[in-house]
Amino acid sequence: MASGTTFRQREIVLGLFPFDDKNEFMKRPCVIVSNEIYNLNHNTFIAIPITSKIRNFEDSIIIDDDDLEEGHLVKKSEILPFKIFTINKSLMLKSIGMISLETAKE
């Protein structure tokens, strides 16, 4: 991520996620849930993973392009709010969309 650039709450971002051994990374999407004040004042984001392997978990949210204000999903996907995490800003690669406010309230 470029210096001085930040992602916004509800933004879907492609990030590098470390494997258990932390020597290799996988590219995976997530949605930023931390607010703009947090995002401007910390070196991390609070985020929730998104997967295209839909399992219909009880607390998950299924999304597709109709649930976005901007951007495009390659596949219908599932947001997994029970797997909330923090990730260093330097591991975020690019924005791929913005979840609508209506969907975010779910």
Protein backbone atom coordinates (compact mmCIF):
# COMPACT_ATOMS: atom_id res chain seq x y z
CA MET A 1 0.00 0.00 0.00
CA ALA A 2 1.34 3.43 -0.89
CA SER A 3 2.38 5.69 1.96
CA GLY A 4 -0.45 7.95 3.07
CA THR A 5 -3.08 5.78 1.38
CA THR A 6 -5.73 4.06 3.43
CA PHE A 7 -8.68 1.85 2.76
CA ARG A 8 -12.15 2.65 4.05
CA GLN A 9 -14.62 0.83 6.24
CA ARG A 10 -16.74 -1.58 4.10
CA GLU A 11 -14.04 -1.76 1.40
CA ILE A 12 -13.20 -5.19 0.00
CA VAL A 13 -9.43 -5.49 -0.24
CA LEU A 14 -7.11 -8.13 -1.63
CA GLY A 15 -4.43 -8.90 0.93
CA LEU A 16 -1.49 -11.21 1.54
CA PHE A 17 -2.26 -13.65 4.33
CA PRO A 18 0.53 -15.65 5.97
CA PHE A 19 0.40 -19.43 6.19
CA ASP A 20 0.88 -20.94 9.62
CA ASP A 21 4.67 -21.01 9.16
CA LYS A 22 4.59 -17.29 8.18
CA ASN A 23 7.13 -17.87 5.41
CA GLU A 24 4.62 -17.99 2.55
CA PHE A 25 1.56 -15.90 1.74
CA MET A 26 -1.77 -16.40 -0.05
CA LYS A 27 -3.78 -13.64 -1.76
CA ARG A 28 -7.24 -13.48 -0.21
CA PRO A 29 -10.08 -10.92 -0.07
CA CYS A 30 -11.37 -9.40 3.14
CA VAL A 31 -13.67 -6.57 4.14
CA ILE A 32 -12.33 -3.72 6.28
CA VAL A 33 -14.49 -3.19 9.38
CA SER A 34 -12.34 -0.70 11.30
CA ASN A 35 -13.50 2.90 10.95
CA GLU A 36 -11.60 5.71 9.24
CA ILE A 37 -10.23 7.18 12.49
CA TYR A 38 -8.74 3.81 13.43
CA ASN A 39 -7.44 3.27 9.89
CA LEU A 40 -5.64 6.63 9.83
CA ASN A 41 -4.04 6.19 13.26
CA HIS A 42 -2.85 2.57 13.24
CA ASN A 43 -0.57 0.36 11.17
CA THR A 44 -3.23 -2.34 11.01
CA PHE A 45 -6.78 -2.79 9.76
CA ILE A 46 -9.50 -4.76 11.49
CA ALA A 47 -10.98 -7.03 8.86
CA ILE A 48 -13.19 -10.04 8.16
CA PRO A 49 -12.29 -12.74 5.61
CA ILE A 50 -14.35 -13.41 2.49
CA THR A 51 -14.43 -16.79 0.77
CA SER A 52 -15.94 -18.09 -2.46
CA LYS A 53 -16.37 -21.53 -0.82
CA ILE A 54 -19.89 -20.98 0.41
CA ARG A 55 -20.77 -23.14 3.39
CA ASN A 56 -23.77 -21.14 4.68
CA PHE A 57 -22.46 -20.76 8.21
CA GLU A 58 -25.13 -19.54 10.62
CA ASP A 59 -23.54 -16.11 11.19
CA SER A 60 -22.16 -15.55 7.69
CA ILE A 61 -23.36 -13.13 5.02
CA ILE A 62 -23.64 -14.23 1.38
CA ILE A 63 -22.78 -11.47 -1.11
CA ASP A 64 -22.63 -10.98 -4.85
CA ASP A 65 -22.26 -7.96 -7.14
CA ASP A 66 -25.78 -6.74 -6.19
CA ASP A 67 -24.46 -6.14 -2.65
CA LEU A 68 -21.67 -3.80 -3.78
CA GLU A 69 -21.71 -0.02 -4.25
CA GLU A 70 -18.65 -0.34 -6.49
CA GLY A 71 -16.35 -3.02 -7.83
CA HIS A 72 -16.89 -6.60 -8.91
CA LEU A 73 -16.68 -10.03 -7.27
CA VAL A 74 -15.36 -12.92 -9.34
CA LYS A 75 -17.84 -15.27 -7.63
CA LYS A 76 -20.71 -15.20 -5.18
CA SER A 77 -18.96 -15.12 -1.78
CA GLU A 78 -19.44 -15.56 1.95
CA ILE A 79 -18.32 -13.06 4.60
CA LEU A 80 -17.20 -14.82 7.79
CA PRO A 81 -17.72 -12.32 10.65
CA PHE A 82 -16.82 -14.89 13.32
CA LYS A 83 -13.21 -14.87 12.00
CA ILE A 84 -12.41 -11.20 12.64
CA PHE A 85 -8.68 -10.36 12.64
CA THR A 86 -6.12 -7.57 12.37
CA ILE A 87 -3.66 -7.31 9.51
CA ASN A 88 -0.75 -5.01 8.84
CA LYS A 89 -1.45 -2.36 6.22
CA SER A 90 1.70 -3.34 4.32
CA LEU A 91 0.06 -6.68 3.43
CA MET A 92 -2.88 -5.06 1.63
CA LEU A 93 -2.53 -5.07 -2.16
CA LYS A 94 -5.53 -3.36 -3.76
CA SER A 95 -9.19 -2.49 -3.44
CA ILE A 96 -11.64 -4.70 -5.31
CA GLY A 97 -14.95 -3.19 -4.23
CA MET A 98 -17.14 -1.54 -1.61
CA ILE A 99 -19.96 -3.30 0.22
CA SER A 100 -23.21 -1.32 0.26
CA LEU A 101 -24.25 0.30 3.52
CA GLU A 102 -27.42 -1.82 3.54
CA THR A 103 -25.43 -5.06 3.30
CA ALA A 104 -22.94 -3.88 5.92
CA LYS A 105 -25.77 -3.38 8.42
CA GLU A 106 -26.59 -7.10 8.21
